[in-house]
Amino acid sequence: MKQLQLQYQTSQQKKRTLTVNNVNQELEPAVVREQMAAISASQLFKQGDEELYHEPLAANYVERIVTPIFSVKTDVDEK
């Protein structure tokens, strides 16, 4: 499963990431940029006076691959 990571700069020049699961994996860059700008313009996310998603910086699809080394549950099931 891929995630969409939306990277923003806060109003206090810090980096912030908004992660979305179960996302359409064929989004056009212009659409993502437009929606990120809408999130920013809404000023919906604040912490005190800081706007958390103030300026869009980047968007990435991220896929996490887990490679098991061992599992206590699996070891117990095999006995």
Protein backbone atom coordinates (compact mmCIF):
# COMPACT_ATOMS: atom_id res chain seq x y z
CA MET A 1 0.00 0.00 0.00
CA LYS A 2 1.35 3.39 -0.95
CA GLN A 3 0.84 6.54 1.07
CA LEU A 4 0.77 10.10 -0.16
CA GLN A 5 3.05 12.35 1.87
CA LEU A 6 2.35 16.07 1.57
CA GLN A 7 5.23 18.20 2.82
CA TYR A 8 4.62 21.72 4.03
CA GLN A 9 6.46 24.54 5.73
CA THR A 10 4.76 25.98 8.80
CA SER A 11 4.32 29.70 9.37
CA GLN A 12 7.31 29.45 11.74
CA GLN A 13 9.58 27.98 9.01
CA LYS A 14 9.44 24.37 10.29
CA LYS A 15 8.76 21.34 8.10
CA ARG A 16 5.54 19.39 8.56
CA THR A 17 4.22 16.27 6.78
CA LEU A 18 0.60 15.29 6.23
CA THR A 19 0.25 11.59 5.34
CA VAL A 20 -2.78 10.15 3.54
CA ASN A 21 -3.48 6.39 3.28
CA ASN A 22 -5.42 4.55 0.55
CA VAL A 23 -4.88 7.27 -2.02
CA ASN A 24 -5.34 7.30 -5.78
CA GLN A 25 -1.88 6.51 -7.16
CA GLU A 26 -2.43 8.22 -10.50
CA LEU A 27 -2.89 11.82 -9.38
CA GLU A 28 -1.66 14.56 -11.67
CA PRO A 29 0.96 16.89 -10.14
CA ALA A 30 -1.19 19.96 -10.90
CA VAL A 31 -4.16 18.45 -9.02
CA VAL A 32 -2.03 17.60 -5.98
CA ARG A 33 -0.47 21.07 -5.97
CA GLU A 34 -3.92 22.69 -6.22
CA GLN A 35 -5.32 20.62 -3.34
CA MET A 36 -2.26 21.30 -1.17
CA ALA A 37 -2.76 25.02 -1.77
CA ALA A 38 -6.43 24.66 -0.77
CA ILE A 39 -5.42 22.93 2.49
CA SER A 40 -2.96 25.74 3.16
CA ALA A 41 -5.48 28.48 2.35
CA SER A 42 -8.10 26.95 4.65
CA GLN A 43 -5.86 27.59 7.70
CA LEU A 44 -7.70 24.66 9.27
CA PHE A 45 -4.68 23.29 11.12
CA LYS A 46 -3.19 25.57 13.76
CA GLN A 47 -1.24 25.15 16.97
CA GLY A 48 -1.46 28.38 18.89
CA ASP A 49 -0.54 31.10 16.40
CA GLU A 50 1.37 28.72 14.12
CA GLU A 51 -0.23 27.61 10.84
CA LEU A 52 0.89 23.98 10.55
CA TYR A 53 0.41 23.58 6.77
CA HIS A 54 1.29 27.11 5.67
CA GLU A 55 3.22 26.60 2.41
CA PRO A 56 3.25 23.48 0.17
CA LEU A 57 6.78 22.17 -0.46
CA ALA A 58 6.50 18.70 -2.03
CA ALA A 59 4.35 15.61 -2.50
CA ASN A 60 5.57 12.02 -2.68
CA TYR A 61 4.15 8.54 -2.92
CA VAL A 62 5.78 6.38 -0.26
CA GLU A 63 5.73 2.60 -0.20
CA ARG A 64 6.85 0.81 2.93
CA ILE A 65 8.30 -2.69 2.56
CA VAL A 66 8.53 -4.83 5.69
CA THR A 67 11.01 -7.71 5.69
CA PRO A 68 10.49 -9.95 8.73
CA ILE A 69 13.52 -11.14 10.67
CA PHE A 70 11.63 -13.10 13.32
CA SER A 71 8.31 -13.12 15.10
CA VAL A 72 7.54 -14.49 18.53
CA LYS A 73 4.02 -15.34 17.31
CA THR A 74 5.37 -17.29 14.32
CA ASP A 75 7.94 -19.10 16.50
CA VAL A 76 5.22 -20.16 18.96
CA ASP A 77 2.91 -21.31 16.13
CA GLU A 78 5.65 -23.59 14.72
CA LYS A 79 6.12 -25.52 17.99
